[in-house]
Amino acid sequence: MWPRRIIATAAKLAVMPAETATLTFGRQVLPGAYPGSAPQKVTDFAATALYEAIDTAIDALDGALGLSRPENTRLLVIISDGCFCDEPCAAAQKLLDRVRASGCAVLWLAPEVTWSKRLTGATVHELTNPAAIARAAVAAVHAA
């Protein structure tokens, strides 16, 4: 997916040291790019799971990148339609609240979906214009 490549490239070009990691989540959480590496190509993903382990995904990224440690500027980017089951959604909200309380910014890139359960505390940006992603990321960091 092009947003993760844009974010990884931006981190690589940042003046300050930056690390990124990506993963996909459905019923399982699978790594896409580990900290310190960037995807070599744009990958398309299909949302085919009937369950979304967003709580496990946030927890894994917090462990890999230290999102809840207030040592540096941190940004968690979630790319999802937000169509979650109640249990992982409630658990994910608690994790998101924890990283936000430590000053981590959260950017939610979402397709236009009117019935989604987006987590509160995230800066939401509709996934329509690749050039606008950088502005949305800056807005999320300023809002943290």
N, C-alpha and C. Protein backbone atom coordinates (compact mmCIF):
# COMPACT_ATOMS: atom_id res chain seq x y z
N MET A 1 0.84 -1.16 0.00
CA MET A 1 0.00 0.00 0.00
C MET A 1 0.90 1.23 0.00
N TRP A 2 0.60 2.21 -0.79
CA TRP A 2 1.48 3.35 -0.96
C TRP A 2 1.66 4.20 0.28
N PRO A 3 0.69 4.34 1.22
CA PRO A 3 0.94 5.18 2.39
C PRO A 3 2.11 4.69 3.23
N ARG A 4 2.27 3.38 3.41
CA ARG A 4 3.37 2.90 4.26
C ARG A 4 4.70 3.18 3.60
N ARG A 5 4.79 3.13 2.28
CA ARG A 5 6.03 3.46 1.59
C ARG A 5 6.35 4.95 1.72
N ILE A 6 5.32 5.79 1.63
CA ILE A 6 5.51 7.23 1.79
C ILE A 6 6.04 7.54 3.19
N ILE A 7 5.44 6.93 4.21
CA ILE A 7 5.84 7.19 5.59
C ILE A 7 7.25 6.68 5.85
N ALA A 8 7.58 5.49 5.37
CA ALA A 8 8.93 4.94 5.56
C ALA A 8 9.97 5.80 4.86
N THR A 9 9.66 6.27 3.67
CA THR A 9 10.59 7.14 2.93
C THR A 9 10.76 8.46 3.65
N ALA A 10 9.68 9.03 4.17
CA ALA A 10 9.76 10.29 4.91
C ALA A 10 10.64 10.12 6.15
N ALA A 11 10.50 9.01 6.85
CA ALA A 11 11.33 8.77 8.03
C ALA A 11 12.80 8.64 7.66
N LYS A 12 13.06 8.01 6.54
CA LYS A 12 14.44 7.83 6.07
C LYS A 12 15.09 9.18 5.74
N LEU A 13 14.29 10.12 5.23
CA LEU A 13 14.79 11.43 4.83
C LEU A 13 14.72 12.47 5.94
N ALA A 14 14.17 12.11 7.09
CA ALA A 14 13.99 13.07 8.18
C ALA A 14 15.33 13.57 8.70
N VAL A 15 15.34 14.82 9.16
CA VAL A 15 16.54 15.42 9.73
C VAL A 15 16.91 14.71 11.03
N MET A 16 15.90 14.40 11.85
CA MET A 16 16.13 13.69 13.10
C MET A 16 16.05 12.20 12.84
N PRO A 17 16.72 11.38 13.66
CA PRO A 17 16.62 9.93 13.48
C PRO A 17 15.17 9.47 13.58
N ALA A 18 14.78 8.57 12.71
CA ALA A 18 13.40 8.07 12.72
C ALA A 18 13.40 6.60 12.34
N GLU A 19 12.51 5.86 12.97
CA GLU A 19 12.34 4.45 12.64
C GLU A 19 10.88 4.20 12.32
N THR A 20 10.64 3.27 11.43
CA THR A 20 9.27 2.87 11.12
C THR A 20 9.20 1.35 11.14
N ALA A 21 8.02 0.86 11.31
CA ALA A 21 7.72 -0.56 11.19
C ALA A 21 6.31 -0.64 10.66
N THR A 22 6.02 -1.65 9.88
CA THR A 22 4.67 -1.83 9.38
C THR A 22 4.23 -3.26 9.61
N LEU A 23 2.94 -3.42 9.72
CA LEU A 23 2.37 -4.76 9.81
C LEU A 23 0.96 -4.72 9.26
N THR A 24 0.46 -5.88 8.99
CA THR A 24 -0.93 -6.00 8.57
C THR A 24 -1.67 -6.76 9.66
N PHE A 25 -2.96 -6.49 9.78
CA PHE A 25 -3.72 -7.20 10.78
C PHE A 25 -5.08 -7.56 10.22
N GLY A 26 -5.49 -8.73 10.57
CA GLY A 26 -6.80 -9.29 10.27
C GLY A 26 -7.04 -10.21 11.44
N ARG A 27 -7.21 -11.48 11.18
CA ARG A 27 -7.28 -12.45 12.27
C ARG A 27 -5.90 -12.59 12.90
N GLN A 28 -4.86 -12.44 12.07
CA GLN A 28 -3.47 -12.51 12.53
C GLN A 28 -2.79 -11.17 12.29
N VAL A 29 -1.70 -10.95 13.02
CA VAL A 29 -0.87 -9.77 12.81
C VAL A 29 0.42 -10.26 12.16
N LEU A 30 0.72 -9.70 10.98
CA LEU A 30 1.89 -10.14 10.23
C LEU A 30 2.81 -8.96 9.95
N PRO A 31 4.13 -9.14 10.14
CA PRO A 31 5.05 -8.03 9.88
C PRO A 31 5.13 -7.70 8.40
N GLY A 32 5.26 -6.40 8.12
CA GLY A 32 5.44 -5.94 6.74
C GLY A 32 6.85 -5.43 6.54
N ALA A 33 7.30 -4.60 7.48
CA ALA A 33 8.68 -4.09 7.47
C ALA A 33 9.09 -3.91 8.92
N TYR A 34 10.26 -4.40 9.25
CA TYR A 34 10.77 -4.32 10.61
C TYR A 34 11.41 -2.96 10.86
N PRO A 35 11.56 -2.56 12.14
CA PRO A 35 12.22 -1.28 12.42
C PRO A 35 13.58 -1.20 11.73
N GLY A 36 13.82 -0.04 11.13
CA GLY A 36 15.09 0.18 10.45
C GLY A 36 15.10 -0.24 8.99
N SER A 37 13.99 -0.80 8.50
CA SER A 37 13.92 -1.19 7.09
C SER A 37 12.70 -0.54 6.47
N ALA A 38 12.77 -0.37 5.17
CA ALA A 38 11.64 0.20 4.44
C ALA A 38 11.20 -0.78 3.37
N PRO A 39 9.92 -0.79 3.04
CA PRO A 39 9.46 -1.68 1.98
C PRO A 39 10.15 -1.33 0.66
N GLN A 40 10.54 -2.32 -0.07
CA GLN A 40 11.22 -2.11 -1.35
C GLN A 40 10.24 -1.85 -2.49
N LYS A 41 8.99 -2.21 -2.29
CA LYS A 41 7.99 -2.01 -3.34
C LYS A 41 6.64 -1.71 -2.71
N VAL A 42 5.76 -1.19 -3.50
CA VAL A 42 4.40 -0.93 -3.06
C VAL A 42 3.62 -2.24 -3.11
N THR A 43 2.95 -2.55 -2.02
CA THR A 43 2.20 -3.79 -1.93
C THR A 43 0.73 -3.49 -1.75
N ASP A 44 -0.12 -4.17 -2.49
CA ASP A 44 -1.56 -4.05 -2.30
C ASP A 44 -2.00 -5.15 -1.34
N PHE A 45 -2.90 -4.81 -0.43
CA PHE A 45 -3.42 -5.78 0.52
C PHE A 45 -4.93 -5.85 0.35
N ALA A 46 -5.46 -7.00 0.65
CA ALA A 46 -6.91 -7.19 0.61
C ALA A 46 -7.40 -7.44 2.03
N ALA A 47 -8.50 -6.84 2.40
CA ALA A 47 -9.09 -7.05 3.71
C ALA A 47 -10.10 -8.19 3.59
N THR A 48 -9.65 -9.39 3.91
CA THR A 48 -10.51 -10.56 3.73
C THR A 48 -10.87 -11.25 5.04
N ALA A 49 -10.27 -10.83 6.16
CA ALA A 49 -10.55 -11.48 7.44
C ALA A 49 -11.91 -11.02 7.97
N LEU A 50 -12.53 -11.87 8.74
CA LEU A 50 -13.79 -11.51 9.37
C LEU A 50 -13.55 -11.07 10.82
N TYR A 51 -12.31 -10.82 11.17
CA TYR A 51 -11.92 -10.39 12.51
C TYR A 51 -10.70 -9.49 12.34
N GLU A 52 -10.57 -8.50 13.17
CA GLU A 52 -9.47 -7.56 13.04
C GLU A 52 -8.75 -7.42 14.37
N ALA A 53 -7.53 -7.90 14.45
CA ALA A 53 -6.75 -7.87 15.68
C ALA A 53 -6.00 -6.55 15.81
N ILE A 54 -6.73 -5.44 15.77
CA ILE A 54 -6.08 -4.13 15.86
C ILE A 54 -5.41 -3.94 17.21
N ASP A 55 -5.97 -4.52 18.27
CA ASP A 55 -5.35 -4.42 19.59
C ASP A 55 -3.97 -5.08 19.60
N THR A 56 -3.87 -6.25 19.03
CA THR A 56 -2.59 -6.95 18.95
C THR A 56 -1.61 -6.17 18.08
N ALA A 57 -2.11 -5.56 17.02
CA ALA A 57 -1.26 -4.78 16.12
C ALA A 57 -0.67 -3.57 16.83
N ILE A 58 -1.50 -2.82 17.55
CA ILE A 58 -1.00 -1.64 18.27
C ILE A 58 0.00 -2.06 19.33
N ASP A 59 -0.29 -3.12 20.05
CA ASP A 59 0.61 -3.60 21.09
C ASP A 59 1.95 -4.03 20.49
N ALA A 60 1.92 -4.70 19.34
CA ALA A 60 3.16 -5.13 18.68
C ALA A 60 4.00 -3.94 18.23
N LEU A 61 3.35 -2.92 17.67
CA LEU A 61 4.09 -1.73 17.24
C LEU A 61 4.64 -0.96 18.43
N ASP A 62 3.89 -0.92 19.53
CA ASP A 62 4.39 -0.27 20.74
C ASP A 62 5.64 -1.00 21.23
N GLY A 63 5.61 -2.32 21.21
CA GLY A 63 6.79 -3.09 21.62
C GLY A 63 7.97 -2.90 20.70
N ALA A 64 7.73 -2.84 19.41
CA ALA A 64 8.82 -2.72 18.44
C ALA A 64 9.42 -1.32 18.39
N LEU A 65 8.59 -0.31 18.57
CA LEU A 65 9.03 1.08 18.39
C LEU A 65 8.99 1.93 19.66
N GLY A 66 8.48 1.38 20.75
CA GLY A 66 8.41 2.15 21.99
C GLY A 66 7.47 3.34 21.90
N LEU A 67 6.30 3.14 21.33
CA LEU A 67 5.36 4.24 21.13
C LEU A 67 4.90 4.87 22.44
N SER A 68 4.86 4.10 23.52
CA SER A 68 4.40 4.65 24.80
C SER A 68 5.55 5.18 25.66
N ARG A 69 6.77 5.20 25.12
CA ARG A 69 7.90 5.81 25.84
C ARG A 69 8.07 7.25 25.35
N PRO A 70 7.93 8.23 26.23
CA PRO A 70 7.93 9.64 25.81
C PRO A 70 9.34 10.22 25.57
N GLU A 71 10.18 9.50 24.87
CA GLU A 71 11.56 9.96 24.66
C GLU A 71 11.73 10.77 23.38
N ASN A 72 10.94 10.52 22.38
CA ASN A 72 11.08 11.17 21.08
C ASN A 72 9.69 11.50 20.53
N THR A 73 9.68 12.16 19.39
CA THR A 73 8.43 12.36 18.68
C THR A 73 8.03 11.02 18.09
N ARG A 74 6.79 10.60 18.33
CA ARG A 74 6.31 9.31 17.84
C ARG A 74 5.00 9.50 17.11
N LEU A 75 4.79 8.70 16.09
CA LEU A 75 3.56 8.77 15.30
C LEU A 75 3.12 7.35 14.96
N LEU A 76 1.93 7.01 15.39
CA LEU A 76 1.31 5.74 15.03
C LEU A 76 0.35 6.02 13.89
N VAL A 77 0.52 5.32 12.77
CA VAL A 77 -0.37 5.49 11.63
C VAL A 77 -1.18 4.21 11.47
N ILE A 78 -2.49 4.37 11.48
CA ILE A 78 -3.40 3.25 11.28
C ILE A 78 -4.08 3.46 9.93
N ILE A 79 -3.99 2.46 9.08
CA ILE A 79 -4.67 2.52 7.79
C ILE A 79 -5.75 1.44 7.83
N SER A 80 -6.99 1.87 7.98
CA SER A 80 -8.07 0.90 8.16
C SER A 80 -9.42 1.55 7.91
N ASP A 81 -10.38 0.72 7.55
CA ASP A 81 -11.75 1.20 7.42
C ASP A 81 -12.43 1.27 8.79
N GLY A 82 -11.80 0.72 9.82
CA GLY A 82 -12.36 0.80 11.17
C GLY A 82 -13.54 -0.10 11.42
N CYS A 83 -13.72 -1.10 10.60
CA CYS A 83 -14.84 -2.03 10.78
C CYS A 83 -14.38 -3.16 11.70
N PHE A 84 -14.46 -2.92 13.01
CA PHE A 84 -13.92 -3.85 14.00
C PHE A 84 -15.02 -4.50 14.82
N CYS A 85 -14.73 -5.68 15.32
CA CYS A 85 -15.60 -6.32 16.30
C CYS A 85 -15.44 -5.57 17.62
N ASP A 86 -16.43 -5.66 18.49
CA ASP A 86 -16.44 -4.88 19.72
C ASP A 86 -15.25 -5.16 20.63
N GLU A 87 -14.90 -6.43 20.84
CA GLU A 87 -13.84 -6.79 21.79
C GLU A 87 -12.47 -6.23 21.39
N PRO A 88 -11.96 -6.48 20.17
CA PRO A 88 -10.66 -5.89 19.83
C PRO A 88 -10.71 -4.37 19.75
N CYS A 89 -11.86 -3.81 19.43
CA CYS A 89 -11.99 -2.36 19.35
C CYS A 89 -11.83 -1.75 20.73
N ALA A 90 -12.47 -2.32 21.75
CA ALA A 90 -12.36 -1.80 23.12
C ALA A 90 -10.93 -1.95 23.64
N ALA A 91 -10.30 -3.09 23.37
CA ALA A 91 -8.92 -3.30 23.81
C ALA A 91 -7.97 -2.35 23.09
N ALA A 92 -8.21 -2.13 21.80
CA ALA A 92 -7.37 -1.21 21.02
C ALA A 92 -7.52 0.22 21.52
N GLN A 93 -8.73 0.60 21.93
CA GLN A 93 -8.92 1.96 22.44
C GLN A 93 -8.10 2.19 23.69
N LYS A 94 -8.02 1.19 24.57
CA LYS A 94 -7.20 1.31 25.78
C LYS A 94 -5.73 1.47 25.42
N LEU A 95 -5.26 0.69 24.44
CA LEU A 95 -3.86 0.80 24.01
C LEU A 95 -3.59 2.15 23.35
N LEU A 96 -4.52 2.60 22.54
CA LEU A 96 -4.37 3.91 21.90
C LEU A 96 -4.35 5.02 22.95
N ASP A 97 -5.20 4.90 23.96
CA ASP A 97 -5.20 5.88 25.04
C ASP A 97 -3.85 5.90 25.75
N ARG A 98 -3.24 4.73 25.94
CA ARG A 98 -1.94 4.64 26.60
C ARG A 98 -0.85 5.34 25.79
N VAL A 99 -0.78 5.07 24.50
CA VAL A 99 0.28 5.71 23.70
C VAL A 99 0.02 7.21 23.56
N ARG A 100 -1.26 7.60 23.45
CA ARG A 100 -1.58 9.03 23.37
C ARG A 100 -1.21 9.74 24.67
N ALA A 101 -1.44 9.10 25.81
CA ALA A 101 -1.11 9.71 27.10
C ALA A 101 0.39 9.97 27.23
N SER A 102 1.19 9.21 26.52
CA SER A 102 2.65 9.40 26.56
C SER A 102 3.11 10.43 25.53
N GLY A 103 2.17 10.98 24.75
CA GLY A 103 2.51 12.00 23.77
C GLY A 103 2.67 11.49 22.35
N CYS A 104 2.34 10.24 22.10
CA CYS A 104 2.44 9.68 20.75
C CYS A 104 1.26 10.19 19.91
N ALA A 105 1.57 10.72 18.75
CA ALA A 105 0.52 11.16 17.83
C ALA A 105 -0.06 9.94 17.12
N VAL A 106 -1.34 10.03 16.77
CA VAL A 106 -2.00 8.94 16.06
C VAL A 106 -2.72 9.51 14.84
N LEU A 107 -2.36 8.99 13.68
CA LEU A 107 -2.97 9.38 12.42
C LEU A 107 -3.74 8.19 11.88
N TRP A 108 -5.02 8.41 11.58
CA TRP A 108 -5.88 7.36 11.04
C TRP A 108 -6.15 7.70 9.58
N LEU A 109 -5.64 6.89 8.67
CA LEU A 109 -5.90 7.04 7.24
C LEU A 109 -7.01 6.06 6.89
N ALA A 110 -8.12 6.59 6.43
CA ALA A 110 -9.29 5.75 6.24
C ALA A 110 -9.96 6.00 4.90
N PRO A 111 -10.46 4.93 4.28
CA PRO A 111 -11.32 5.13 3.12
C PRO A 111 -12.64 5.72 3.61
N GLU A 112 -13.44 6.22 2.73
CA GLU A 112 -14.72 6.78 3.13
C GLU A 112 -15.66 5.64 3.50
N VAL A 113 -15.83 5.46 4.79
CA VAL A 113 -16.72 4.43 5.32
C VAL A 113 -17.54 5.09 6.41
N THR A 114 -18.84 5.08 6.29
CA THR A 114 -19.68 5.80 7.24
C THR A 114 -20.01 4.99 8.48
N TRP A 115 -19.86 3.67 8.46
CA TRP A 115 -20.27 2.85 9.59
C TRP A 115 -19.10 2.29 10.38
N SER A 116 -17.93 2.88 10.25
CA SER A 116 -16.76 2.34 10.93
C SER A 116 -16.70 2.76 12.40
N LYS A 117 -15.87 2.03 13.16
CA LYS A 117 -15.64 2.33 14.58
C LYS A 117 -14.22 2.86 14.73
N ARG A 118 -13.99 4.05 14.27
CA ARG A 118 -12.65 4.63 14.42
C ARG A 118 -12.40 4.91 15.89
N LEU A 119 -11.18 4.71 16.29
CA LEU A 119 -10.82 4.93 17.68
C LEU A 119 -10.74 6.43 17.97
N THR A 120 -11.15 6.82 19.15
CA THR A 120 -11.09 8.23 19.51
C THR A 120 -9.66 8.61 19.89
N GLY A 121 -9.32 9.86 19.63
CA GLY A 121 -7.98 10.35 19.94
C GLY A 121 -7.05 10.38 18.74
N ALA A 122 -7.52 9.88 17.61
CA ALA A 122 -6.70 9.87 16.39
C ALA A 122 -7.09 11.05 15.51
N THR A 123 -6.11 11.57 14.79
CA THR A 123 -6.38 12.56 13.75
C THR A 123 -6.80 11.77 12.52
N VAL A 124 -8.04 11.91 12.08
CA VAL A 124 -8.57 11.12 10.97
C VAL A 124 -8.39 11.89 9.66
N HIS A 125 -7.90 11.18 8.67
CA HIS A 125 -7.73 11.76 7.34
C HIS A 125 -8.22 10.75 6.32
N GLU A 126 -9.08 11.19 5.44
CA GLU A 126 -9.59 10.31 4.40
C GLU A 126 -8.49 9.96 3.42
N LEU A 127 -8.40 8.71 3.08
CA LEU A 127 -7.34 8.18 2.23
C LEU A 127 -7.69 8.43 0.76
N THR A 128 -7.45 9.66 0.32
CA THR A 128 -7.79 10.02 -1.05
C THR A 128 -6.62 10.61 -1.82
N ASN A 129 -5.82 11.43 -1.18
CA ASN A 129 -4.77 12.17 -1.86
C ASN A 129 -3.41 11.87 -1.23
N PRO A 130 -2.52 11.19 -1.94
CA PRO A 130 -1.21 10.86 -1.36
C PRO A 130 -0.42 12.08 -0.89
N ALA A 131 -0.53 13.20 -1.57
CA ALA A 131 0.22 14.39 -1.19
C ALA A 131 -0.27 14.95 0.14
N ALA A 132 -1.50 14.69 0.50
CA ALA A 132 -2.06 15.22 1.74
C ALA A 132 -1.65 14.41 2.96
N ILE A 133 -1.09 13.23 2.77
CA ILE A 133 -0.70 12.38 3.90
C ILE A 133 0.35 13.07 4.76
N ALA A 134 1.33 13.71 4.15
CA ALA A 134 2.37 14.40 4.92
C ALA A 134 1.76 15.50 5.78
N ARG A 135 0.86 16.28 5.20
CA ARG A 135 0.20 17.34 5.98
C ARG A 135 -0.61 16.75 7.13
N ALA A 136 -1.27 15.64 6.88
CA ALA A 136 -2.06 15.00 7.93
C ALA A 136 -1.16 14.47 9.04
N ALA A 137 0.01 13.94 8.68
CA ALA A 137 0.96 13.45 9.68
C ALA A 137 1.45 14.60 10.56
N VAL A 138 1.79 15.72 9.95
CA VAL A 138 2.24 16.90 10.70
C VAL A 138 1.11 17.37 11.64
N ALA A 139 -0.12 17.41 11.15
CA ALA A 139 -1.26 17.82 11.97
C ALA A 139 -1.42 16.89 13.16
N ALA A 140 -1.25 15.59 12.95
CA ALA A 140 -1.39 14.61 14.05
C ALA A 140 -0.31 14.83 15.10
N VAL A 141 0.92 15.08 14.67
CA VAL A 141 2.02 15.30 15.62
C VAL A 141 1.77 16.59 16.41
N HIS A 142 1.30 17.63 15.75
CA HIS A 142 0.99 18.88 16.46
C HIS A 142 -0.16 18.71 17.44
N ALA A 143 -1.10 17.82 17.15
CA ALA A 143 -2.25 17.60 18.01
C ALA A 143 -1.92 16.74 19.23
N ALA A 144 -0.79 16.03 19.19
CA ALA A 144 -0.43 15.09 20.29
C ALA A 144 -0.06 15.83 21.56
